[in-house]
Amino acid sequence: MNKIARWLNLFWAFKSSVGIKQLNMSRLVNPGKWTGTNCEMDPAQLLLGPDFLKDQYTLLGTSLADSPHYSLVKTIAEGGRIEDTDYFHRFRSATLDWRLWQSSRSNSSKFVNSFEKSKSEILEDKYPPIIVYKVSDKKYVFDGKHRAAMCLLYGHSVKCIEVDSSVAYRGVFHFLFEMTIEGDKYLKHQHFLYEANKQ
């Protein structure tokens, strides 16, 4: 389904039992080359941004240190069972972010291979910068949560490009935030948007 959307260059969003899901999102919101201010920071200060999941599932505002992404890389580094992590459960149940349900064919080797590649890049300081933005003096990760989690795991500061906060709530995201205006199911996202619009 997502492949068809990419092929046709279509964006589609719909409401599910856990939140708002999208097809072809990444291609539409990632310009390939970011412009902003280069900086370095402590990854422990980073928060996860909007994922358009309902309040009982959302990770919006979760610190990187408490995130499923950090627990995943820590588990892999310690040789633990990936299938027991919160990340893996969320990955399979579509409560990790705005992506659809993941194929049952996805397995732990995929995560381990990605971990090893990222580990080399982090330790050699050859990784692409994390994309972040600021809302109410808090910095959120827009792109690069796994890389940031790896930096935190190995005690490194994280290289960032800080972009304008409007990337998180304008364009396609404005449409998605409009979809969160539904009673009290997305109060965390509505509060985030309120704070962002005050800037």
N, C-alpha and C. Protein backbone atom coordinates (compact mmCIF):
# COMPACT_ATOMS: atom_id res chain seq x y z
N MET A 1 0.82 -1.20 0.00
CA MET A 1 0.00 0.00 0.00
C MET A 1 0.87 1.27 0.00
N ASN A 2 1.87 1.27 0.90
CA ASN A 2 2.76 2.42 0.98
C ASN A 2 3.59 2.55 -0.29
N LYS A 3 3.96 1.42 -0.90
CA LYS A 3 4.72 1.45 -2.15
C LYS A 3 3.92 2.09 -3.26
N ILE A 4 2.63 1.78 -3.30
CA ILE A 4 1.75 2.37 -4.33
C ILE A 4 1.66 3.88 -4.13
N ALA A 5 1.52 4.30 -2.87
CA ALA A 5 1.44 5.73 -2.57
C ALA A 5 2.71 6.45 -2.99
N ARG A 6 3.88 5.81 -2.75
CA ARG A 6 5.15 6.42 -3.15
C ARG A 6 5.24 6.50 -4.67
N TRP A 7 4.83 5.44 -5.33
CA TRP A 7 4.90 5.39 -6.79
C TRP A 7 4.03 6.48 -7.43
N LEU A 8 2.85 6.69 -6.84
CA LEU A 8 1.94 7.71 -7.36
C LEU A 8 2.20 9.09 -6.76
N ASN A 9 3.16 9.16 -5.81
CA ASN A 9 3.49 10.40 -5.11
C ASN A 9 2.26 10.99 -4.42
N LEU A 10 1.53 10.11 -3.74
CA LEU A 10 0.31 10.51 -3.04
C LEU A 10 0.53 10.50 -1.53
N PHE A 11 -0.17 11.38 -0.85
CA PHE A 11 -0.19 11.37 0.61
C PHE A 11 -1.60 11.04 1.06
N TRP A 12 -1.70 10.12 2.00
CA TRP A 12 -3.02 9.70 2.48
C TRP A 12 -2.95 9.56 3.98
N ALA A 13 -3.90 10.15 4.69
CA ALA A 13 -3.98 10.05 6.15
C ALA A 13 -5.38 9.57 6.53
N PHE A 14 -5.44 8.75 7.57
CA PHE A 14 -6.73 8.25 8.03
C PHE A 14 -6.65 7.96 9.52
N LYS A 15 -7.80 7.91 10.18
CA LYS A 15 -7.86 7.63 11.61
C LYS A 15 -7.98 6.13 11.85
N SER A 16 -7.20 5.66 12.82
CA SER A 16 -7.25 4.26 13.20
C SER A 16 -7.61 4.18 14.69
N SER A 17 -7.66 2.99 15.23
CA SER A 17 -8.01 2.81 16.63
C SER A 17 -6.93 3.35 17.57
N VAL A 18 -5.69 3.51 17.07
CA VAL A 18 -4.60 3.99 17.94
C VAL A 18 -4.19 5.43 17.63
N GLY A 19 -4.63 5.94 16.51
CA GLY A 19 -4.27 7.31 16.15
C GLY A 19 -4.34 7.53 14.65
N ILE A 20 -3.73 8.60 14.20
CA ILE A 20 -3.76 8.96 12.78
C ILE A 20 -2.59 8.30 12.07
N LYS A 21 -2.89 7.61 10.99
CA LYS A 21 -1.87 6.91 10.22
C LYS A 21 -1.73 7.56 8.85
N GLN A 22 -0.50 7.48 8.30
CA GLN A 22 -0.25 8.11 7.01
C GLN A 22 0.50 7.19 6.07
N LEU A 23 0.30 7.41 4.80
CA LEU A 23 1.06 6.73 3.76
C LEU A 23 1.91 7.76 3.04
N ASN A 24 3.14 7.38 2.74
CA ASN A 24 4.07 8.22 1.97
C ASN A 24 4.47 9.49 2.71
N MET A 25 4.48 9.44 4.03
CA MET A 25 4.79 10.62 4.84
C MET A 25 6.25 11.04 4.73
N SER A 26 7.17 10.11 4.91
CA SER A 26 8.60 10.44 4.98
C SER A 26 9.08 11.18 3.74
N ARG A 27 8.64 10.73 2.59
CA ARG A 27 9.10 11.34 1.34
C ARG A 27 8.63 12.79 1.21
N LEU A 28 7.47 13.08 1.75
CA LEU A 28 6.91 14.42 1.60
C LEU A 28 7.47 15.42 2.61
N VAL A 29 7.93 14.95 3.77
CA VAL A 29 8.38 15.89 4.80
C VAL A 29 9.89 15.99 4.88
N ASN A 30 10.63 15.13 4.21
CA ASN A 30 12.09 15.17 4.25
C ASN A 30 12.63 15.75 2.94
N PRO A 31 13.21 16.95 2.98
CA PRO A 31 13.68 17.59 1.76
C PRO A 31 14.98 17.02 1.23
N GLY A 32 15.63 16.14 2.01
CA GLY A 32 16.90 15.57 1.57
C GLY A 32 18.09 16.35 2.08
N LYS A 33 18.00 17.68 2.04
CA LYS A 33 19.06 18.53 2.55
C LYS A 33 18.45 19.61 3.42
N TRP A 34 18.89 19.67 4.67
CA TRP A 34 18.31 20.60 5.63
C TRP A 34 19.16 21.85 5.78
N THR A 35 18.50 22.97 5.97
CA THR A 35 19.20 24.21 6.27
C THR A 35 18.79 24.68 7.66
N GLY A 36 19.76 25.10 8.44
CA GLY A 36 19.49 25.54 9.80
C GLY A 36 20.79 25.86 10.50
N THR A 37 20.76 25.85 11.81
CA THR A 37 21.93 26.18 12.61
C THR A 37 22.59 24.90 13.12
N ASN A 38 23.87 24.74 12.82
CA ASN A 38 24.61 23.58 13.31
C ASN A 38 24.92 23.75 14.79
N CYS A 39 24.76 22.68 15.56
CA CYS A 39 25.04 22.75 16.98
C CYS A 39 25.35 21.35 17.52
N GLU A 40 25.85 21.30 18.74
CA GLU A 40 26.04 20.04 19.45
C GLU A 40 25.35 20.16 20.80
N MET A 41 24.78 19.06 21.28
CA MET A 41 24.08 19.12 22.55
C MET A 41 24.08 17.75 23.23
N ASP A 42 23.68 17.75 24.47
CA ASP A 42 23.52 16.52 25.23
C ASP A 42 22.25 15.82 24.76
N PRO A 43 22.35 14.60 24.22
CA PRO A 43 21.14 13.93 23.72
C PRO A 43 20.10 13.67 24.80
N ALA A 44 20.51 13.67 26.07
CA ALA A 44 19.55 13.45 27.16
C ALA A 44 18.55 14.59 27.26
N GLN A 45 18.84 15.73 26.64
CA GLN A 45 17.94 16.88 26.68
C GLN A 45 16.89 16.85 25.58
N LEU A 46 17.00 15.89 24.69
CA LEU A 46 16.07 15.83 23.55
C LEU A 46 14.77 15.12 23.91
N LEU A 47 13.69 15.57 23.28
CA LEU A 47 12.37 14.98 23.46
C LEU A 47 11.84 14.45 22.13
N LEU A 48 10.91 13.51 22.20
CA LEU A 48 10.25 13.02 20.99
C LEU A 48 9.11 13.96 20.63
N GLY A 49 8.93 14.18 19.34
CA GLY A 49 7.92 15.12 18.86
C GLY A 49 6.59 14.45 18.52
N PRO A 50 5.71 15.16 17.82
CA PRO A 50 4.39 14.63 17.48
C PRO A 50 4.46 13.32 16.69
N ASP A 51 3.63 12.38 17.06
CA ASP A 51 3.52 11.12 16.33
C ASP A 51 2.08 10.86 15.89
N PHE A 52 1.15 11.73 16.34
CA PHE A 52 -0.26 11.69 15.97
C PHE A 52 -0.97 10.42 16.42
N LEU A 53 -0.48 9.87 17.54
CA LEU A 53 -1.16 8.77 18.20
C LEU A 53 -2.05 9.34 19.30
N LYS A 54 -3.07 8.61 19.66
CA LYS A 54 -3.96 9.05 20.74
C LYS A 54 -3.19 9.14 22.06
N ASP A 55 -3.74 9.90 23.00
CA ASP A 55 -3.02 10.19 24.24
C ASP A 55 -2.52 8.95 24.97
N GLN A 56 -3.28 7.86 24.96
CA GLN A 56 -2.85 6.67 25.71
C GLN A 56 -1.69 5.95 25.03
N TYR A 57 -1.38 6.30 23.77
CA TYR A 57 -0.29 5.66 23.05
C TYR A 57 0.87 6.60 22.72
N THR A 58 0.60 7.89 22.65
CA THR A 58 1.59 8.82 22.14
C THR A 58 2.88 8.86 22.96
N LEU A 59 3.98 9.13 22.25
CA LEU A 59 5.29 9.32 22.89
C LEU A 59 5.68 10.80 22.86
N LEU A 60 4.78 11.65 22.43
CA LEU A 60 5.05 13.09 22.36
C LEU A 60 5.50 13.61 23.73
N GLY A 61 6.67 14.27 23.74
CA GLY A 61 7.18 14.83 24.99
C GLY A 61 8.01 13.86 25.82
N THR A 62 8.13 12.62 25.37
CA THR A 62 8.96 11.63 26.09
C THR A 62 10.43 11.96 25.89
N SER A 63 11.21 11.90 26.95
CA SER A 63 12.64 12.17 26.82
C SER A 63 13.30 11.02 26.06
N LEU A 64 14.38 11.34 25.36
CA LEU A 64 15.08 10.31 24.60
C LEU A 64 15.54 9.18 25.51
N ALA A 65 15.96 9.52 26.74
CA ALA A 65 16.43 8.50 27.68
C ALA A 65 15.33 7.52 28.09
N ASP A 66 14.08 7.96 28.02
CA ASP A 66 12.95 7.10 28.39
C ASP A 66 12.23 6.53 27.18
N SER A 67 12.79 6.73 26.01
CA SER A 67 12.11 6.35 24.77
C SER A 67 12.32 4.88 24.41
N PRO A 68 11.42 4.31 23.62
CA PRO A 68 11.61 2.95 23.11
C PRO A 68 12.87 2.85 22.25
N HIS A 69 13.25 3.94 21.61
CA HIS A 69 14.43 3.94 20.74
C HIS A 69 15.70 3.71 21.55
N TYR A 70 15.77 4.36 22.72
CA TYR A 70 16.94 4.16 23.57
C TYR A 70 16.96 2.75 24.16
N SER A 71 15.80 2.28 24.63
CA SER A 71 15.76 0.93 25.20
C SER A 71 16.12 -0.12 24.16
N LEU A 72 15.77 0.14 22.89
CA LEU A 72 16.10 -0.79 21.81
C LEU A 72 17.61 -0.88 21.62
N VAL A 73 18.28 0.27 21.45
CA VAL A 73 19.73 0.23 21.19
C VAL A 73 20.48 -0.30 22.41
N LYS A 74 19.98 -0.02 23.59
CA LYS A 74 20.62 -0.52 24.82
C LYS A 74 20.49 -2.04 24.90
N THR A 75 19.32 -2.55 24.56
CA THR A 75 19.09 -3.99 24.57
C THR A 75 19.98 -4.70 23.57
N ILE A 76 20.11 -4.14 22.37
CA ILE A 76 20.98 -4.75 21.35
C ILE A 76 22.43 -4.73 21.80
N ALA A 77 22.87 -3.60 22.36
CA ALA A 77 24.25 -3.48 22.83
C ALA A 77 24.57 -4.50 23.92
N GLU A 78 23.57 -4.82 24.74
CA GLU A 78 23.77 -5.76 25.86
C GLU A 78 23.47 -7.21 25.47
N GLY A 79 23.11 -7.42 24.20
CA GLY A 79 22.83 -8.77 23.72
C GLY A 79 21.51 -9.34 24.19
N GLY A 80 20.56 -8.46 24.53
CA GLY A 80 19.26 -8.91 25.01
C GLY A 80 18.31 -9.28 23.89
N ARG A 81 17.11 -9.68 24.25
CA ARG A 81 16.09 -10.08 23.27
C ARG A 81 15.32 -8.86 22.78
N ILE A 82 15.47 -8.57 21.51
CA ILE A 82 14.79 -7.43 20.92
C ILE A 82 13.28 -7.59 21.00
N GLU A 83 12.82 -8.82 20.86
CA GLU A 83 11.38 -9.10 20.85
C GLU A 83 10.70 -8.74 22.18
N ASP A 84 11.49 -8.58 23.23
CA ASP A 84 10.92 -8.23 24.53
C ASP A 84 10.87 -6.73 24.78
N THR A 85 11.39 -5.93 23.86
CA THR A 85 11.46 -4.49 24.08
C THR A 85 10.14 -3.79 23.76
N ASP A 86 9.95 -2.66 24.39
CA ASP A 86 8.78 -1.84 24.12
C ASP A 86 8.78 -1.39 22.66
N TYR A 87 9.97 -1.11 22.12
CA TYR A 87 10.08 -0.68 20.72
C TYR A 87 9.50 -1.74 19.79
N PHE A 88 9.89 -2.97 19.99
CA PHE A 88 9.44 -4.05 19.10
C PHE A 88 7.93 -4.24 19.19
N HIS A 89 7.39 -4.19 20.41
CA HIS A 89 5.94 -4.34 20.58
C HIS A 89 5.19 -3.20 19.90
N ARG A 90 5.71 -1.99 20.07
CA ARG A 90 5.08 -0.84 19.44
C ARG A 90 5.22 -0.91 17.91
N PHE A 91 6.36 -1.35 17.45
CA PHE A 91 6.62 -1.51 16.02
C PHE A 91 5.59 -2.43 15.38
N ARG A 92 5.30 -3.53 16.07
CA ARG A 92 4.36 -4.51 15.54
C ARG A 92 2.89 -4.07 15.68
N SER A 93 2.60 -3.27 16.71
CA SER A 93 1.21 -2.89 16.98
C SER A 93 0.83 -1.52 16.44
N ALA A 94 1.75 -0.89 15.69
CA ALA A 94 1.51 0.43 15.09
C ALA A 94 1.33 1.53 16.13
N THR A 95 1.94 1.37 17.31
CA THR A 95 1.87 2.41 18.34
C THR A 95 3.24 3.04 18.58
N LEU A 96 4.13 2.93 17.58
CA LEU A 96 5.45 3.55 17.68
C LEU A 96 5.42 4.97 17.13
N ASP A 97 4.73 5.14 16.00
CA ASP A 97 4.63 6.46 15.37
C ASP A 97 3.49 6.44 14.36
N TRP A 98 3.58 7.28 13.34
CA TRP A 98 2.46 7.40 12.39
C TRP A 98 2.44 6.31 11.33
N ARG A 99 3.43 5.43 11.33
CA ARG A 99 3.48 4.39 10.30
C ARG A 99 2.41 3.32 10.52
N LEU A 100 2.12 2.58 9.45
CA LEU A 100 1.13 1.52 9.51
C LEU A 100 1.68 0.31 10.25
N TRP A 101 0.83 -0.69 10.43
CA TRP A 101 1.24 -1.93 11.05
C TRP A 101 2.38 -2.54 10.25
N GLN A 102 3.38 -3.06 10.96
CA GLN A 102 4.56 -3.60 10.29
C GLN A 102 4.38 -5.07 9.98
N SER A 103 5.02 -5.51 8.92
CA SER A 103 4.91 -6.90 8.48
C SER A 103 5.45 -7.86 9.54
N SER A 104 4.79 -8.99 9.66
CA SER A 104 5.25 -10.01 10.61
C SER A 104 6.60 -10.59 10.18
N ARG A 105 7.01 -10.29 8.94
CA ARG A 105 8.30 -10.78 8.48
C ARG A 105 9.46 -9.98 9.05
N SER A 106 9.14 -8.79 9.61
CA SER A 106 10.19 -7.99 10.22
C SER A 106 10.75 -8.77 11.40
N ASN A 107 12.07 -8.88 11.49
CA ASN A 107 12.66 -9.65 12.57
C ASN A 107 13.84 -8.92 13.19
N SER A 108 14.38 -9.52 14.23
CA SER A 108 15.42 -8.87 15.02
C SER A 108 16.69 -8.60 14.22
N SER A 109 16.99 -9.41 13.22
CA SER A 109 18.23 -9.22 12.46
C SER A 109 18.25 -7.86 11.76
N LYS A 110 17.07 -7.40 11.36
CA LYS A 110 16.98 -6.08 10.71
C LYS A 110 17.47 -5.00 11.67
N PHE A 111 17.06 -5.08 12.94
CA PHE A 111 17.43 -4.09 13.92
C PHE A 111 18.92 -4.19 14.27
N VAL A 112 19.42 -5.42 14.37
CA VAL A 112 20.83 -5.62 14.72
C VAL A 112 21.73 -5.07 13.62
N ASN A 113 21.40 -5.34 12.37
CA ASN A 113 22.21 -4.85 11.25
C ASN A 113 22.24 -3.33 11.22
N SER A 114 21.08 -2.72 11.45
CA SER A 114 21.01 -1.26 11.48
C SER A 114 21.82 -0.70 12.65
N PHE A 115 21.76 -1.39 13.80
CA PHE A 115 22.50 -0.98 14.99
C PHE A 115 24.01 -0.98 14.72
N GLU A 116 24.50 -2.05 14.12
CA GLU A 116 25.94 -2.17 13.87
C GLU A 116 26.43 -1.08 12.93
N LYS A 117 25.64 -0.77 11.91
CA LYS A 117 26.00 0.29 10.96
C LYS A 117 26.04 1.64 11.67
N SER A 118 25.01 1.93 12.46
CA SER A 118 24.94 3.21 13.17
C SER A 118 26.03 3.31 14.23
N LYS A 119 26.33 2.21 14.89
CA LYS A 119 27.37 2.21 15.92
C LYS A 119 28.71 2.65 15.34
N SER A 120 29.06 2.10 14.19
CA SER A 120 30.33 2.47 13.54
C SER A 120 30.34 3.95 13.20
N GLU A 121 29.22 4.44 12.67
CA GLU A 121 29.14 5.85 12.30
C GLU A 121 29.26 6.76 13.51
N ILE A 122 28.61 6.38 14.61
CA ILE A 122 28.64 7.19 15.83
C ILE A 122 30.04 7.22 16.42
N LEU A 123 30.66 6.06 16.57
CA LEU A 123 31.98 5.97 17.19
C LEU A 123 33.06 6.63 16.34
N GLU A 124 32.85 6.66 15.02
CA GLU A 124 33.81 7.31 14.13
C GLU A 124 33.44 8.76 13.83
N ASP A 125 32.33 9.21 14.45
CA ASP A 125 31.84 10.58 14.27
C ASP A 125 31.58 10.90 12.79
N LYS A 126 30.98 9.94 12.10
CA LYS A 126 30.71 10.11 10.66
C LYS A 126 29.22 9.97 10.35
N TYR A 127 28.38 10.30 11.30
CA TYR A 127 26.94 10.14 11.11
C TYR A 127 26.29 11.45 10.66
N PRO A 128 25.18 11.36 9.94
CA PRO A 128 24.45 12.58 9.54
C PRO A 128 23.89 13.28 10.78
N PRO A 129 23.89 14.60 10.81
CA PRO A 129 23.37 15.32 11.98
C PRO A 129 21.90 15.01 12.24
N ILE A 130 21.52 15.09 13.50
CA ILE A 130 20.12 14.93 13.90
C ILE A 130 19.39 16.23 13.60
N ILE A 131 18.15 16.15 13.11
CA ILE A 131 17.36 17.34 12.84
C ILE A 131 16.48 17.62 14.06
N VAL A 132 16.65 18.82 14.63
CA VAL A 132 15.89 19.18 15.84
C VAL A 132 15.23 20.55 15.65
N TYR A 133 14.26 20.85 16.50
CA TYR A 133 13.63 22.16 16.52
C TYR A 133 13.21 22.46 17.95
N LYS A 134 12.94 23.72 18.22
CA LYS A 134 12.64 24.14 19.59
C LYS A 134 11.20 24.64 19.71
N VAL A 135 10.52 24.20 20.74
CA VAL A 135 9.19 24.70 21.10
C VAL A 135 9.18 24.91 22.61
N SER A 136 8.87 26.13 23.05
CA SER A 136 8.82 26.46 24.48
C SER A 136 10.12 26.07 25.20
N ASP A 137 11.25 26.42 24.57
CA ASP A 137 12.57 26.17 25.15
C ASP A 137 12.91 24.70 25.31
N LYS A 138 12.15 23.83 24.67
CA LYS A 138 12.46 22.40 24.68
C LYS A 138 12.80 21.99 23.25
N LYS A 139 13.80 21.10 23.13
CA LYS A 139 14.21 20.66 21.80
C LYS A 139 13.68 19.27 21.50
N TYR A 140 13.09 19.15 20.32
CA TYR A 140 12.46 17.91 19.87
C TYR A 140 13.22 17.34 18.66
N VAL A 141 13.24 16.03 18.58
CA VAL A 141 13.87 15.37 17.43
C VAL A 141 12.86 15.29 16.29
N PHE A 142 13.24 15.82 15.15
CA PHE A 142 12.40 15.70 13.95
C PHE A 142 12.83 14.50 13.11
N ASP A 143 14.14 14.28 13.05
CA ASP A 143 14.67 13.16 12.28
C ASP A 143 15.97 12.70 12.92
N GLY A 144 16.10 11.38 13.17
CA GLY A 144 17.34 10.85 13.71
C GLY A 144 17.26 10.33 15.13
N LYS A 145 16.10 9.82 15.53
CA LYS A 145 15.94 9.35 16.91
C LYS A 145 16.90 8.20 17.26
N HIS A 146 17.10 7.29 16.33
CA HIS A 146 18.00 6.16 16.62
C HIS A 146 19.45 6.63 16.74
N ARG A 147 19.87 7.54 15.88
CA ARG A 147 21.23 8.07 15.96
C ARG A 147 21.44 8.80 17.28
N ALA A 148 20.45 9.59 17.68
CA ALA A 148 20.54 10.32 18.94
C ALA A 148 20.60 9.35 20.11
N ALA A 149 19.82 8.27 20.05
CA ALA A 149 19.82 7.27 21.11
C ALA A 149 21.18 6.58 21.21
N MET A 150 21.80 6.35 20.06
CA MET A 150 23.13 5.75 20.05
C MET A 150 24.16 6.68 20.69
N CYS A 151 24.07 7.97 20.39
CA CYS A 151 24.97 8.94 21.01
C CYS A 151 24.80 8.93 22.52
N LEU A 152 23.56 8.87 22.97
CA LEU A 152 23.29 8.83 24.41
C LEU A 152 23.86 7.56 25.02
N LEU A 153 23.70 6.44 24.36
CA LEU A 153 24.18 5.16 24.86
C LEU A 153 25.69 5.16 25.05
N TYR A 154 26.41 5.77 24.11
CA TYR A 154 27.87 5.76 24.16
C TYR A 154 28.47 7.02 24.76
N GLY A 155 27.62 7.86 25.34
CA GLY A 155 28.12 9.02 26.06
C GLY A 155 28.68 10.12 25.19
N HIS A 156 28.20 10.22 23.97
CA HIS A 156 28.66 11.25 23.06
C HIS A 156 27.66 12.41 23.01
N SER A 157 28.15 13.62 22.81
CA SER A 157 27.24 14.70 22.46
C SER A 157 26.72 14.40 21.06
N VAL A 158 25.61 15.02 20.70
CA VAL A 158 25.00 14.72 19.40
C VAL A 158 25.09 15.94 18.48
N LYS A 159 25.51 15.69 17.24
CA LYS A 159 25.56 16.74 16.23
C LYS A 159 24.15 16.99 15.70
N CYS A 160 23.77 18.25 15.67
CA CYS A 160 22.40 18.60 15.26
C CYS A 160 22.39 19.70 14.22
N ILE A 161 21.31 19.75 13.49
CA ILE A 161 20.93 20.93 12.71
C ILE A 161 19.61 21.40 13.29
N GLU A 162 19.60 22.59 13.88
CA GLU A 162 18.35 23.11 14.44
C GLU A 162 17.62 23.90 13.36
N VAL A 163 16.43 23.46 13.04
CA VAL A 163 15.62 24.08 11.99
C VAL A 163 14.46 24.83 12.63
N ASP A 164 13.77 25.60 11.82
CA ASP A 164 12.61 26.35 12.32
C ASP A 164 11.54 25.39 12.80
N SER A 165 10.91 25.74 13.92
CA SER A 165 9.91 24.85 14.52
C SER A 165 8.69 24.62 13.63
N SER A 166 8.51 25.47 12.63
CA SER A 166 7.33 25.32 11.77
C SER A 166 7.33 24.00 11.00
N VAL A 167 8.50 23.32 10.92
CA VAL A 167 8.53 22.03 10.22
C VAL A 167 7.59 21.03 10.90
N ALA A 168 7.32 21.25 12.17
CA ALA A 168 6.53 20.28 12.94
C ALA A 168 5.04 20.53 12.90
N TYR A 169 4.59 21.70 12.40
CA TYR A 169 3.16 21.95 12.47
C TYR A 169 2.60 22.70 11.26
N ARG A 170 3.38 22.84 10.21
CA ARG A 170 2.85 23.46 8.99
C ARG A 170 2.90 22.47 7.84
N GLY A 171 2.35 22.87 6.70
CA GLY A 171 2.32 21.98 5.55
C GLY A 171 1.47 20.75 5.83
N VAL A 172 2.02 19.58 5.54
CA VAL A 172 1.32 18.32 5.78
C VAL A 172 0.92 18.18 7.24
N PHE A 173 1.81 18.63 8.15
CA PHE A 173 1.54 18.48 9.57
C PHE A 173 0.35 19.33 10.03
N HIS A 174 0.14 20.47 9.38
CA HIS A 174 -1.02 21.28 9.72
C HIS A 174 -2.31 20.48 9.48
N PHE A 175 -2.34 19.79 8.38
CA PHE A 175 -3.49 18.95 8.05
C PHE A 175 -3.69 17.86 9.11
N LEU A 176 -2.59 17.25 9.55
CA LEU A 176 -2.68 16.19 10.55
C LEU A 176 -3.14 16.73 11.90
N PHE A 177 -2.64 17.91 12.27
CA PHE A 177 -3.09 18.51 13.53
C PHE A 177 -4.58 18.84 13.48
N GLU A 178 -5.07 19.23 12.31
CA GLU A 178 -6.50 19.48 12.17
C GLU A 178 -7.30 18.21 12.47
N MET A 179 -6.71 17.07 12.13
CA MET A 179 -7.39 15.80 12.38
C MET A 179 -7.40 15.41 13.86
N THR A 180 -6.55 16.06 14.67
CA THR A 180 -6.51 15.73 16.10
C THR A 180 -7.59 16.45 16.89
N ILE A 181 -8.31 17.36 16.25
CA ILE A 181 -9.37 18.09 16.96
C ILE A 181 -10.59 17.18 17.06
N GLU A 182 -10.54 16.31 18.03
CA GLU A 182 -11.60 15.30 18.20
C GLU A 182 -11.76 15.02 19.68
N GLY A 183 -12.58 15.79 20.34
CA GLY A 183 -12.83 15.57 21.76
C GLY A 183 -11.56 15.62 22.58
N ASP A 184 -11.36 14.62 23.42
CA ASP A 184 -10.21 14.61 24.31
C ASP A 184 -9.23 13.49 23.99
N LYS A 185 -9.21 13.02 22.75
CA LYS A 185 -8.34 11.90 22.40
C LYS A 185 -6.91 12.31 22.05
N TYR A 186 -6.73 13.58 21.70
CA TYR A 186 -5.40 14.05 21.28
C TYR A 186 -5.01 15.32 22.03
N LEU A 187 -5.27 15.38 23.31
CA LEU A 187 -5.02 16.60 24.08
C LEU A 187 -3.55 16.97 24.11
N LYS A 188 -2.67 15.99 24.15
CA LYS A 188 -1.23 16.28 24.18
C LYS A 188 -0.77 16.94 22.89
N HIS A 189 -1.32 16.51 21.78
CA HIS A 189 -0.96 17.13 20.50
C HIS A 189 -1.56 18.54 20.39
N GLN A 190 -2.76 18.70 20.88
CA GLN A 190 -3.38 20.02 20.83
C GLN A 190 -2.61 21.01 21.71
N HIS A 191 -2.13 20.55 22.87
CA HIS A 191 -1.34 21.43 23.74
C HIS A 191 -0.01 21.78 23.07
N PHE A 192 0.62 20.80 22.43
CA PHE A 192 1.87 21.05 21.71
C PHE A 192 1.66 22.13 20.65
N LEU A 193 0.59 22.00 19.87
CA LEU A 193 0.31 22.97 18.81
C LEU A 193 0.06 24.35 19.39
N TYR A 194 -0.64 24.41 20.52
CA TYR A 194 -0.90 25.70 21.18
C TYR A 194 0.41 26.36 21.56
N GLU A 195 1.32 25.61 22.16
CA GLU A 195 2.63 26.16 22.56
C GLU A 195 3.44 26.58 21.33
N ALA A 196 3.41 25.78 20.28
CA ALA A 196 4.16 26.10 19.07
C ALA A 196 3.66 27.37 18.40
N ASN A 197 2.37 27.57 18.40
CA ASN A 197 1.79 28.75 17.76
C ASN A 197 2.04 30.03 18.53
N LYS A 198 2.43 29.92 19.80
CA LYS A 198 2.72 31.10 20.61
C LYS A 198 4.07 31.72 20.24
N GLN A 199 4.91 30.97 19.53
CA GLN A 199 6.26 31.44 19.22
C GLN A 199 6.24 32.49 18.10
